[in-house]
N, C-alpha and C. Protein backbone atom coordinates (compact mmCIF):
# COMPACT_ATOMS: atom_id res chain seq x y z
N MET A 1 2.55 89.20 92.72
CA MET A 1 3.26 91.34 93.13
C MET A 1 2.98 91.31 94.20
N TRP A 2 1.07 91.17 94.50
CA TRP A 2 0.96 91.90 96.06
C TRP A 2 1.32 91.34 97.19
N ASP A 3 1.83 89.82 97.05
CA ASP A 3 2.29 89.00 97.96
C ASP A 3 3.38 89.32 98.41
N GLU A 4 4.24 89.82 97.48
CA GLU A 4 5.89 90.13 97.24
C GLU A 4 5.88 91.57 97.70
N ARG A 5 5.21 92.49 97.50
CA ARG A 5 4.95 93.93 97.91
C ARG A 5 4.60 93.68 99.49
N TYR A 6 3.57 93.06 99.79
CA TYR A 6 3.32 92.99 101.56
C TYR A 6 4.21 92.31 102.49
N GLY A 7 5.26 91.45 101.74
CA GLY A 7 5.69 90.22 102.47
C GLY A 7 7.07 90.98 102.56
N LYS A 8 7.58 92.10 102.14
CA LYS A 8 8.86 92.25 101.60
C LYS A 8 9.42 92.79 102.90
N GLU A 9 8.74 93.43 103.49
CA GLU A 9 9.23 93.94 105.15
C GLU A 9 8.02 94.01 105.77
N GLU A 10 8.40 94.40 107.41
CA GLU A 10 7.32 94.45 108.51
C GLU A 10 6.69 95.51 108.28
N GLU A 11 7.38 96.62 107.61
CA GLU A 11 6.71 97.97 107.73
C GLU A 11 5.38 97.57 106.59
N PHE A 12 4.18 98.80 106.96
CA PHE A 12 3.22 98.68 106.08
C PHE A 12 3.38 99.75 104.88
N ALA A 13 2.84 98.92 103.81
CA ALA A 13 3.49 99.41 102.60
C ALA A 13 2.59 101.12 102.30
N TYR A 14 1.60 100.89 102.91
CA TYR A 14 0.69 102.09 102.69
C TYR A 14 0.36 102.54 104.53
N GLY A 15 0.99 102.24 104.99
CA GLY A 15 0.87 102.85 106.51
C GLY A 15 -0.48 102.12 107.14
N THR A 16 -0.27 102.17 108.46
CA THR A 16 -1.30 101.82 109.28
C THR A 16 -2.71 102.47 109.57
N GLU A 17 -2.78 103.89 108.71
CA GLU A 17 -3.70 104.86 109.26
C GLU A 17 -4.56 104.74 107.72
N PRO A 18 -5.94 105.27 108.17
CA PRO A 18 -7.23 105.00 107.48
C PRO A 18 -6.69 106.03 106.39
N ASN A 19 -7.18 106.06 104.99
CA ASN A 19 -7.61 106.85 104.31
C ASN A 19 -7.87 108.32 104.49
N ASP A 20 -7.88 109.20 104.50
CA ASP A 20 -7.98 110.45 104.71
C ASP A 20 -9.17 110.68 104.42
N PHE A 21 -9.72 110.99 103.14
CA PHE A 21 -11.31 111.15 102.33
C PHE A 21 -12.00 109.89 103.04
N LEU A 22 -11.81 108.56 103.61
CA LEU A 22 -12.52 107.66 104.36
C LEU A 22 -13.12 108.47 105.45
N LYS A 23 -11.69 108.60 106.56
CA LYS A 23 -11.74 109.19 107.73
C LYS A 23 -13.12 110.42 107.91
N GLU A 24 -12.98 111.47 106.82
CA GLU A 24 -13.32 112.81 107.24
C GLU A 24 -14.77 112.48 106.74
N THR A 25 -15.23 111.18 105.73
CA THR A 25 -16.34 111.19 105.28
C THR A 25 -17.26 110.53 105.99
N ILE A 26 -16.59 109.50 106.74
CA ILE A 26 -17.62 108.32 107.30
C ILE A 26 -18.65 108.50 108.02
N THR A 27 -18.96 109.48 108.31
CA THR A 27 -20.53 110.37 109.20
C THR A 27 -21.56 109.87 108.41
N SER A 28 -20.70 110.55 106.57
CA SER A 28 -22.34 110.15 105.65
C SER A 28 -21.97 108.68 104.84
N ALA A 29 -21.26 108.10 105.19
CA ALA A 29 -20.84 106.78 104.96
C ALA A 29 -21.47 105.34 105.66
N GLY A 30 -21.87 106.15 106.93
CA GLY A 30 -22.92 104.75 107.63
C GLY A 30 -23.06 105.05 109.20
N SER A 31 -23.66 104.88 110.30
CA SER A 31 -23.83 104.60 111.43
C SER A 31 -22.14 104.24 111.92
N SER A 32 -21.83 105.07 112.74
CA SER A 32 -20.74 104.38 113.41
C SER A 32 -21.14 103.30 115.02
N ASN A 33 -22.68 103.69 115.42
CA ASN A 33 -23.24 103.64 116.78
C ASN A 33 -23.62 101.87 116.36
N ASP A 34 -24.10 101.29 115.53
CA ASP A 34 -24.71 100.29 115.24
C ASP A 34 -23.41 99.20 114.97
N LYS A 35 -23.33 98.21 115.40
CA LYS A 35 -22.14 96.98 115.41
C LYS A 35 -22.79 96.26 114.49
N LYS A 36 -24.09 96.57 114.15
CA LYS A 36 -24.49 95.42 112.89
C LYS A 36 -24.23 95.49 111.78
N LYS A 37 -24.21 97.21 111.05
CA LYS A 37 -23.82 97.24 110.00
C LYS A 37 -22.86 96.45 109.61
N LYS A 38 -22.93 96.21 108.29
CA LYS A 38 -21.94 95.42 107.70
C LYS A 38 -20.84 96.24 107.09
N CYS A 39 -19.94 96.10 106.66
CA CYS A 39 -19.28 97.38 105.78
C CYS A 39 -18.06 95.75 104.66
N LEU A 40 -17.97 95.94 103.35
CA LEU A 40 -17.68 95.21 102.86
C LEU A 40 -15.87 96.09 102.21
N LEU A 41 -14.99 95.47 102.61
CA LEU A 41 -13.24 96.65 101.61
C LEU A 41 -13.21 95.72 101.18
N LEU A 42 -13.10 96.62 99.78
CA LEU A 42 -12.55 95.93 98.47
C LEU A 42 -11.33 96.26 98.57
N ALA A 43 -10.09 95.14 98.08
CA ALA A 43 -9.13 95.24 98.06
C ALA A 43 -8.28 96.23 98.94
N ASP A 44 -8.91 95.20 100.11
CA ASP A 44 -8.05 96.08 101.82
C ASP A 44 -6.48 95.51 101.87
N GLY A 45 -6.01 95.17 101.09
CA GLY A 45 -4.90 95.30 101.48
C GLY A 45 -4.18 94.18 102.46
N GLU A 46 -3.54 95.67 103.52
CA GLU A 46 -3.01 95.24 104.75
C GLU A 46 -3.86 95.92 106.09
N GLY A 47 -5.20 96.11 105.24
CA GLY A 47 -6.13 96.18 106.21
C GLY A 47 -6.49 97.63 107.22
N ARG A 48 -5.53 98.82 106.61
CA ARG A 48 -5.70 99.82 107.56
C ARG A 48 -6.96 100.49 107.47
N ASN A 49 -7.54 100.35 106.48
CA ASN A 49 -9.01 101.14 106.44
C ASN A 49 -9.66 99.88 106.86
N GLY A 50 -9.79 98.58 106.55
CA GLY A 50 -10.95 97.90 107.43
C GLY A 50 -10.98 97.78 109.40
N VAL A 51 -9.81 97.88 109.20
CA VAL A 51 -9.31 98.55 110.57
C VAL A 51 -10.02 99.20 111.19
N PHE A 52 -10.01 100.41 110.29
CA PHE A 52 -10.52 101.89 111.13
C PHE A 52 -11.71 101.19 110.92
N MET A 53 -12.72 101.05 110.24
CA MET A 53 -14.12 101.02 110.08
C MET A 53 -14.27 99.91 111.02
N ALA A 54 -13.70 98.40 111.77
CA ALA A 54 -14.56 98.38 112.82
C ALA A 54 -13.83 99.10 113.92
N GLU A 55 -13.32 99.81 114.10
CA GLU A 55 -13.08 100.91 115.02
C GLU A 55 -14.40 101.87 115.65
N GLN A 56 -14.93 101.82 114.29
CA GLN A 56 -16.14 102.73 113.79
C GLN A 56 -16.91 101.96 114.08
N GLY A 57 -17.42 100.43 114.56
CA GLY A 57 -18.51 99.84 115.21
C GLY A 57 -19.17 99.23 113.56
N PHE A 58 -18.34 99.19 113.05
CA PHE A 58 -18.51 98.28 111.94
C PHE A 58 -18.67 96.87 111.74
N ASN A 59 -19.56 96.14 111.54
CA ASN A 59 -18.73 94.45 111.18
C ASN A 59 -18.38 94.23 109.80
N VAL A 60 -16.54 94.10 109.94
CA VAL A 60 -15.99 94.67 108.54
C VAL A 60 -15.85 93.07 108.14
N VAL A 61 -15.84 93.16 106.36
CA VAL A 61 -15.20 92.02 106.03
C VAL A 61 -14.32 92.75 104.97
N SER A 62 -13.21 92.76 104.93
CA SER A 62 -11.89 92.81 104.07
C SER A 62 -11.42 91.68 103.14
N VAL A 63 -11.41 92.49 101.51
CA VAL A 63 -11.28 90.94 100.31
C VAL A 63 -10.05 91.40 99.94
N ASP A 64 -9.22 90.50 99.61
CA ASP A 64 -7.98 91.31 98.91
C ASP A 64 -7.49 90.02 98.23
N PHE A 65 -6.60 89.93 97.38
CA PHE A 65 -6.19 88.87 96.12
C PHE A 65 -4.87 88.44 97.11
N SER A 66 -4.12 89.23 98.13
CA SER A 66 -3.15 88.77 98.75
C SER A 66 -3.79 88.39 99.93
N GLU A 67 -2.71 86.95 100.69
CA GLU A 67 -3.00 86.43 101.46
C GLU A 67 -2.18 87.14 102.87
N THR A 68 -0.96 87.21 101.93
CA THR A 68 0.34 88.60 102.62
C THR A 68 -0.81 89.17 103.60
N GLY A 69 -0.89 89.95 102.58
CA GLY A 69 -1.82 91.78 103.24
C GLY A 69 -2.44 91.15 104.17
N LEU A 70 -3.53 90.23 104.19
CA LEU A 70 -4.60 89.66 104.79
C LEU A 70 -3.95 89.56 106.10
N LYS A 71 -2.95 88.52 106.09
CA LYS A 71 -2.41 88.32 107.59
C LYS A 71 -1.90 89.59 108.35
N LYS A 72 -1.22 90.59 107.74
CA LYS A 72 -0.93 92.00 108.28
C LYS A 72 -2.12 92.56 108.79
N ALA A 73 -3.29 92.17 108.53
CA ALA A 73 -4.28 92.89 107.92
C ALA A 73 -4.99 92.50 109.85
N GLN A 74 -4.78 91.34 109.76
CA GLN A 74 -5.26 90.67 110.91
C GLN A 74 -4.42 90.72 112.44
N ALA A 75 -3.49 91.28 111.92
CA ALA A 75 -2.55 91.35 112.92
C ALA A 75 -2.55 93.00 113.69
N LEU A 76 -2.47 93.78 112.42
CA LEU A 76 -3.16 95.62 112.74
C LEU A 76 -4.65 95.22 113.73
N ALA A 77 -5.14 94.27 113.25
CA ALA A 77 -6.87 94.55 113.83
C ALA A 77 -6.55 93.82 115.27
N LYS A 78 -5.75 92.83 115.51
CA LYS A 78 -5.46 92.84 117.23
C LYS A 78 -4.93 93.57 117.79
N SER A 79 -3.87 94.36 117.25
CA SER A 79 -2.89 95.28 118.08
C SER A 79 -4.17 96.37 118.42
N ARG A 80 -5.23 96.48 117.68
CA ARG A 80 -5.62 97.83 118.11
C ARG A 80 -6.94 97.57 119.18
N GLY A 81 -7.58 96.15 119.06
CA GLY A 81 -8.57 95.45 120.01
C GLY A 81 -9.43 95.62 118.93
N VAL A 82 -9.29 95.18 117.78
CA VAL A 82 -11.08 95.21 117.26
C VAL A 82 -10.84 93.09 116.13
N THR A 83 -12.15 93.33 115.90
CA THR A 83 -11.87 92.02 114.84
C THR A 83 -12.47 92.29 113.69
N ILE A 84 -12.04 91.69 112.42
CA ILE A 84 -12.44 91.63 110.72
C ILE A 84 -12.33 90.27 110.68
N GLU A 85 -13.15 89.97 109.94
CA GLU A 85 -13.27 88.52 108.72
C GLU A 85 -12.13 89.47 107.49
N THR A 86 -11.49 88.70 107.32
CA THR A 86 -10.45 88.67 106.23
C THR A 86 -10.55 87.29 105.22
N VAL A 87 -10.89 87.62 103.60
CA VAL A 87 -11.39 86.91 102.39
C VAL A 87 -10.54 86.86 101.55
N VAL A 88 -9.38 85.58 101.19
CA VAL A 88 -8.59 85.97 99.99
C VAL A 88 -9.76 85.33 99.25
N ALA A 89 -9.42 86.54 97.90
CA ALA A 89 -10.68 86.18 96.72
C ALA A 89 -9.76 87.16 95.20
N ASP A 90 -10.02 87.18 94.58
CA ASP A 90 -9.98 87.91 93.50
C ASP A 90 -11.46 88.14 93.45
N LEU A 91 -11.37 89.90 92.78
CA LEU A 91 -12.40 90.18 92.86
C LEU A 91 -13.04 89.93 91.09
N ALA A 92 -12.65 89.38 90.44
CA ALA A 92 -12.59 89.01 89.55
C ALA A 92 -14.04 87.61 89.40
N SER A 93 -14.04 87.36 90.54
CA SER A 93 -14.88 85.90 90.73
C SER A 93 -15.58 85.99 92.12
N TYR A 94 -15.60 87.35 92.52
CA TYR A 94 -15.86 87.29 94.14
C TYR A 94 -17.40 87.88 93.90
N ASP A 95 -18.12 87.23 94.83
CA ASP A 95 -19.93 87.65 94.81
C ASP A 95 -20.05 88.60 95.86
N LEU A 96 -20.53 89.22 95.00
CA LEU A 96 -20.68 90.93 96.11
C LEU A 96 -22.09 90.51 96.92
N GLY A 97 -22.66 89.51 96.27
CA GLY A 97 -24.38 88.91 96.71
C GLY A 97 -25.32 90.21 97.03
N THR A 98 -26.70 90.04 97.29
CA THR A 98 -27.55 90.56 97.04
C THR A 98 -28.17 91.31 98.17
N GLU A 99 -28.36 92.61 98.36
CA GLU A 99 -29.00 93.36 99.49
C GLU A 99 -27.98 92.94 100.95
N GLN A 100 -26.73 92.90 100.82
CA GLN A 100 -25.89 92.13 101.88
C GLN A 100 -25.12 93.07 102.75
N TRP A 101 -24.93 94.34 101.88
CA TRP A 101 -23.75 95.39 102.68
C TRP A 101 -24.69 96.93 102.96
N ASP A 102 -24.56 97.17 104.00
CA ASP A 102 -24.74 98.42 104.81
C ASP A 102 -23.78 100.03 103.86
N CYS A 103 -22.17 99.10 103.75
CA CYS A 103 -21.55 100.02 102.89
C CYS A 103 -20.57 99.45 102.97
N ILE A 104 -20.07 99.76 101.24
CA ILE A 104 -19.06 99.30 100.60
C ILE A 104 -18.04 100.39 100.35
N VAL A 105 -16.64 99.96 100.42
CA VAL A 105 -15.82 100.98 100.16
C VAL A 105 -14.39 100.26 99.67
N GLY A 106 -14.15 101.43 98.44
CA GLY A 106 -13.04 100.79 97.28
C GLY A 106 -12.19 102.20 97.71
N ILE A 107 -11.10 102.03 98.47
CA ILE A 107 -9.92 102.72 98.29
C ILE A 107 -8.79 101.89 97.62
N PHE A 108 -8.22 102.84 96.52
CA PHE A 108 -6.84 102.83 95.77
C PHE A 108 -7.52 101.79 95.19
N CYS A 109 -8.54 101.21 94.96
CA CYS A 109 -9.08 99.72 94.30
C CYS A 109 -8.86 99.69 92.87
N HIS A 110 -7.87 99.74 92.39
CA HIS A 110 -7.55 99.66 90.85
C HIS A 110 -7.50 98.14 90.07
N LEU A 111 -8.59 98.19 89.14
CA LEU A 111 -9.13 96.61 88.44
C LEU A 111 -8.61 96.81 87.29
N PRO A 112 -8.15 95.78 86.54
CA PRO A 112 -8.49 95.61 84.94
C PRO A 112 -9.80 95.62 84.79
N PRO A 113 -10.09 96.58 83.57
CA PRO A 113 -10.88 97.42 82.99
C PRO A 113 -12.36 96.38 83.00
N PRO A 114 -12.50 94.95 82.92
CA PRO A 114 -13.24 94.40 82.71
C PRO A 114 -13.65 93.85 84.21
N VAL A 115 -13.19 93.59 85.00
CA VAL A 115 -12.94 93.40 86.52
C VAL A 115 -13.55 94.89 86.92
N ARG A 116 -13.47 95.61 86.59
CA ARG A 116 -13.81 96.94 87.36
C ARG A 116 -14.94 97.03 87.34
N ALA A 117 -15.65 96.95 85.50
CA ALA A 117 -16.94 97.02 85.06
C ALA A 117 -17.88 95.54 85.92
N LYS A 118 -17.25 94.62 86.38
CA LYS A 118 -18.05 93.91 86.85
C LYS A 118 -17.91 94.09 88.14
N VAL A 119 -17.31 94.64 89.09
CA VAL A 119 -17.29 95.19 90.50
C VAL A 119 -18.46 96.37 90.91
N LEU A 120 -18.42 97.40 89.86
CA LEU A 120 -19.26 98.25 89.65
C LEU A 120 -20.85 97.90 89.53
N GLU A 121 -20.99 96.91 88.43
CA GLU A 121 -22.29 96.44 87.80
C GLU A 121 -22.86 95.76 88.95
N GLY A 122 -21.96 95.08 90.33
CA GLY A 122 -22.54 94.37 91.29
C GLY A 122 -22.94 94.88 92.04
N ILE A 123 -22.28 96.24 92.41
CA ILE A 123 -22.52 97.10 93.66
C ILE A 123 -23.92 97.70 94.12
N PRO A 124 -24.74 98.42 93.02
CA PRO A 124 -26.02 98.78 93.67
C PRO A 124 -26.82 97.48 94.17
N ASP A 125 -26.75 96.46 93.26
CA ASP A 125 -27.78 94.96 93.81
C ASP A 125 -27.13 95.02 95.31
N SER A 126 -25.76 94.65 95.60
CA SER A 126 -24.77 94.25 96.77
C SER A 126 -25.26 94.75 98.04
N LEU A 127 -25.61 95.91 97.82
CA LEU A 127 -26.29 97.09 98.98
C LEU A 127 -27.28 97.21 99.40
N LYS A 128 -27.84 97.50 100.98
CA LYS A 128 -28.97 97.22 101.96
C LYS A 128 -29.50 98.53 100.87
N GLU A 129 -31.16 98.69 101.04
CA GLU A 129 -31.51 99.90 101.02
C GLU A 129 -31.32 101.05 102.07
N GLY A 130 -30.42 102.38 101.27
CA GLY A 130 -29.86 103.19 102.26
C GLY A 130 -28.71 102.88 102.57
N GLY A 131 -28.22 101.63 102.14
CA GLY A 131 -26.41 101.53 101.97
C GLY A 131 -25.73 102.22 101.22
N GLN A 132 -24.25 102.40 101.53
CA GLN A 132 -23.65 103.84 100.60
C GLN A 132 -22.19 103.16 100.11
N PHE A 133 -22.03 103.49 98.90
CA PHE A 133 -20.54 103.11 97.85
C PHE A 133 -19.40 104.26 98.51
N LEU A 134 -18.45 104.18 99.18
CA LEU A 134 -17.31 105.26 98.80
C LEU A 134 -16.45 104.54 97.99
N LEU A 135 -16.02 105.14 97.30
CA LEU A 135 -14.63 105.22 96.78
C LEU A 135 -13.75 106.39 96.63
N GLU A 136 -12.36 106.25 97.05
CA GLU A 136 -11.52 106.76 96.63
C GLU A 136 -10.49 106.33 95.55
N CYS A 137 -10.13 107.12 94.24
CA CYS A 137 -9.24 106.16 93.56
C CYS A 137 -8.19 107.11 92.58
N TYR A 138 -7.05 106.84 92.20
CA TYR A 138 -6.36 107.38 91.25
C TYR A 138 -7.37 108.17 89.89
N THR A 139 -7.27 109.15 89.06
CA THR A 139 -7.18 109.27 87.75
C THR A 139 -6.46 109.22 86.73
N PRO A 140 -6.80 109.23 85.57
CA PRO A 140 -5.62 109.53 85.00
C PRO A 140 -4.41 110.39 84.74
N ASP A 141 -5.00 111.38 85.54
CA ASP A 141 -4.31 112.95 85.46
C ASP A 141 -2.96 112.09 86.51
N GLN A 142 -2.84 111.16 87.26
CA GLN A 142 -2.08 110.76 88.38
C GLN A 142 -0.79 110.12 87.91
N LEU A 143 -1.09 110.24 86.30
CA LEU A 143 -0.13 109.52 85.53
C LEU A 143 1.35 111.06 85.86
N GLN A 144 0.73 112.14 85.91
CA GLN A 144 1.80 113.16 85.55
C GLN A 144 2.88 113.32 87.39
N TYR A 145 1.99 113.25 88.08
CA TYR A 145 2.41 113.11 89.38
C TYR A 145 3.38 112.15 89.98
N LYS A 146 3.04 110.85 89.76
CA LYS A 146 3.89 109.62 90.18
C LYS A 146 4.16 109.11 91.79
N THR A 147 3.23 109.37 92.03
CA THR A 147 3.14 109.57 93.48
C THR A 147 2.32 108.37 94.19
N GLY A 148 2.19 107.44 92.88
CA GLY A 148 1.37 106.38 93.73
C GLY A 148 0.23 105.73 92.70
N GLY A 149 -0.53 104.30 92.60
CA GLY A 149 -0.82 104.09 91.57
C GLY A 149 -0.66 103.47 90.37
N PRO A 150 -1.10 103.05 89.32
CA PRO A 150 -0.80 102.07 88.06
C PRO A 150 0.01 103.14 87.35
N PRO A 151 0.63 101.90 86.51
CA PRO A 151 1.72 102.69 85.85
C PRO A 151 0.53 103.06 84.18
N THR A 152 -0.65 102.43 84.22
CA THR A 152 -1.50 103.06 83.08
C THR A 152 -2.51 103.15 83.43
N ALA A 153 -3.18 104.31 82.64
CA ALA A 153 -4.59 105.04 82.77
C ALA A 153 -5.87 103.97 82.52
N ASP A 154 -5.46 102.66 81.92
CA ASP A 154 -6.42 101.67 81.81
C ASP A 154 -7.19 101.08 83.15
N PHE A 155 -6.25 101.02 84.50
CA PHE A 155 -6.89 100.55 85.50
C PHE A 155 -7.49 101.75 86.74
N MET A 156 -7.13 102.93 86.13
CA MET A 156 -7.55 104.13 87.17
C MET A 156 -9.45 104.34 86.62
N PHE A 157 -9.58 105.37 87.52
CA PHE A 157 -11.36 106.15 87.55
C PHE A 157 -11.51 107.38 87.21
N SER A 158 -12.33 107.65 86.74
CA SER A 158 -12.38 109.06 86.38
C SER A 158 -14.02 109.57 87.21
N LYS A 159 -14.73 110.75 87.21
CA LYS A 159 -15.95 111.17 87.58
C LYS A 159 -16.97 110.33 86.47
N GLN A 160 -16.60 110.93 85.09
CA GLN A 160 -17.63 110.24 83.67
C GLN A 160 -17.92 108.79 83.64
N LEU A 161 -16.62 108.02 84.38
CA LEU A 161 -16.57 106.45 84.56
C LEU A 161 -17.52 106.40 85.69
N LEU A 162 -17.52 107.04 86.67
CA LEU A 162 -18.39 106.43 87.72
C LEU A 162 -19.80 107.03 87.38
N ASP A 163 -19.99 108.17 87.04
CA ASP A 163 -21.39 108.51 86.60
C ASP A 163 -21.96 107.82 85.59
N GLU A 164 -21.31 106.87 84.75
CA GLU A 164 -22.07 106.26 83.79
C GLU A 164 -22.14 104.47 84.08
N ALA A 165 -21.81 104.46 85.17
CA ALA A 165 -21.94 102.93 86.02
C ALA A 165 -23.08 103.17 87.13
N LEU A 166 -23.05 104.36 87.70
CA LEU A 166 -23.37 104.37 89.25
C LEU A 166 -24.17 105.43 89.15
N GLY A 167 -24.68 106.60 87.74
CA GLY A 167 -25.13 106.94 88.26
C GLY A 167 -26.73 107.27 88.07
N THR A 168 -27.06 106.42 87.91
CA THR A 168 -29.03 106.25 87.42
C THR A 168 -29.07 105.02 88.43
N LYS A 169 -28.03 104.33 89.31
CA LYS A 169 -28.49 103.27 89.76
C LYS A 169 -28.26 103.75 91.19
N LEU A 170 -27.72 104.50 92.23
CA LEU A 170 -27.09 105.05 93.45
C LEU A 170 -27.51 106.61 92.78
N GLN A 171 -28.21 107.21 94.58
CA GLN A 171 -28.56 108.45 94.66
C GLN A 171 -27.03 109.20 94.70
N VAL A 172 -26.44 109.92 93.98
CA VAL A 172 -25.04 110.46 94.03
C VAL A 172 -24.89 111.50 94.83
N ILE A 173 -24.37 111.44 95.96
CA ILE A 173 -23.58 112.32 96.85
C ILE A 173 -22.47 112.76 96.56
N ARG A 174 -21.71 112.65 95.92
CA ARG A 174 -20.47 113.34 95.76
C ARG A 174 -20.14 112.53 94.33
N ASN A 175 -19.22 113.33 93.32
CA ASN A 175 -18.79 112.36 92.40
C ASN A 175 -17.64 113.38 91.39
N GLU A 176 -16.65 113.64 92.24
CA GLU A 176 -15.74 114.58 91.81
C GLU A 176 -14.16 114.26 91.99
N GLU A 177 -13.34 115.32 91.08
CA GLU A 177 -12.08 115.20 90.88
C GLU A 177 -11.54 116.10 91.68
N VAL A 178 -10.18 116.09 92.45
CA VAL A 178 -9.67 116.61 92.82
C VAL A 178 -7.84 116.09 92.80
N VAL A 179 -7.39 117.57 92.87
CA VAL A 179 -6.21 117.11 93.23
C VAL A 179 -5.40 117.33 94.48
N ARG A 180 -4.84 116.94 95.38
CA ARG A 180 -4.69 116.74 96.81
C ARG A 180 -3.88 115.88 97.56
N THR A 181 -3.13 116.39 98.49
CA THR A 181 -1.95 115.92 99.04
C THR A 181 -2.15 114.32 99.77
N VAL A 182 -1.74 113.12 99.43
CA VAL A 182 -2.19 112.18 99.87
C VAL A 182 -0.40 111.20 100.45
N THR A 183 -0.83 111.23 101.73
CA THR A 183 0.26 110.72 102.53
C THR A 183 -0.04 109.59 103.37
N GLU A 184 0.19 108.61 102.98
CA GLU A 184 -0.26 107.33 103.26
C GLU A 184 1.43 105.87 103.16
N GLY A 185 1.90 105.71 103.88
CA GLY A 185 2.89 105.21 103.71
C GLY A 185 3.79 105.44 102.60
N LYS A 186 4.79 105.00 102.13
CA LYS A 186 5.89 105.44 101.73
C LYS A 186 5.51 105.33 99.96
N LEU A 187 4.43 104.91 100.07
CA LEU A 187 4.02 104.07 98.49
C LEU A 187 3.07 105.19 97.99
N HIS A 188 2.03 105.57 98.74
CA HIS A 188 1.32 106.77 98.24
C HIS A 188 1.65 108.03 99.15
N THR A 189 2.47 109.09 98.92
CA THR A 189 2.79 109.98 99.32
C THR A 189 3.23 111.18 98.14
N GLY A 190 2.14 112.62 98.58
CA GLY A 190 2.57 113.74 97.47
C GLY A 190 1.59 113.73 96.92
N LYS A 191 1.36 115.00 96.24
CA LYS A 191 0.45 115.33 95.29
C LYS A 191 -0.29 114.64 94.19
N ALA A 192 -1.94 114.62 94.35
CA ALA A 192 -2.13 113.58 93.48
C ALA A 192 -3.38 113.53 92.93
N ALA A 193 -4.19 113.20 92.23
CA ALA A 193 -5.43 113.50 91.26
C ALA A 193 -6.12 112.11 91.50
N VAL A 194 -7.01 112.13 92.01
CA VAL A 194 -7.93 111.58 92.45
C VAL A 194 -9.56 111.71 92.53
N VAL A 195 -10.14 110.69 92.30
CA VAL A 195 -11.99 110.78 91.85
C VAL A 195 -12.52 110.50 93.40
N GLN A 196 -13.13 111.46 94.23
CA GLN A 196 -14.06 110.94 95.65
C GLN A 196 -15.44 110.34 94.83
N PHE A 197 -15.86 109.71 95.34
CA PHE A 197 -17.50 109.20 94.80
C PHE A 197 -17.87 108.76 96.48
N ILE A 198 -19.12 109.20 96.80
CA ILE A 198 -20.08 108.32 97.51
C ILE A 198 -21.73 108.10 97.07
N GLY A 199 -22.23 106.98 96.79
CA GLY A 199 -23.51 106.87 96.45
C GLY A 199 -24.44 106.57 97.11
N LYS A 200 -25.88 106.74 97.18
CA LYS A 200 -26.51 105.87 98.45
C LYS A 200 -27.74 105.42 97.45
N LYS A 201 -27.87 104.18 97.91
CA LYS A 201 -29.05 103.18 97.53
C LYS A 201 -30.35 103.66 98.04
């Protein structure tokens, strides 16, 4: 499905600009001055967020199930004069590693519940001391807006879900459900219900 979505046309499905929440909060997600800081982008698709993080000076690894999407990510990185590493992988089996990342980013990374649980469980151990996890995803309330996201609530996130999964494992800097206007390409545009999370190890 994702190869078909990303390969349907040359235009980027979700645009080429980074997610607003990521752009606005990057100062609390990690230093932009240390190129050695490693950042993992979960389900990074066509790479708009990974390329942005590379522009901030991070050493970026973008993981996605779609080879087509990641090819466009590499093209976007080249056009912006930065380098990212892309890994075609299923997050159900991808090894996050141990104390490997200074920053992990999940932007609209909606997964089947068992995969979501596995990824969230692995994030605290995979972060370095002082590392941060930043996420913005749709909540079940998004179903009433129909401006993007999965067609079912099962794949979505909530403040409660994140608190239960990470509240005792990370220092929670932000965990808030909000309704905001999202403008990200033609597939994510309009009023949307999201949860925004930042946690620090």
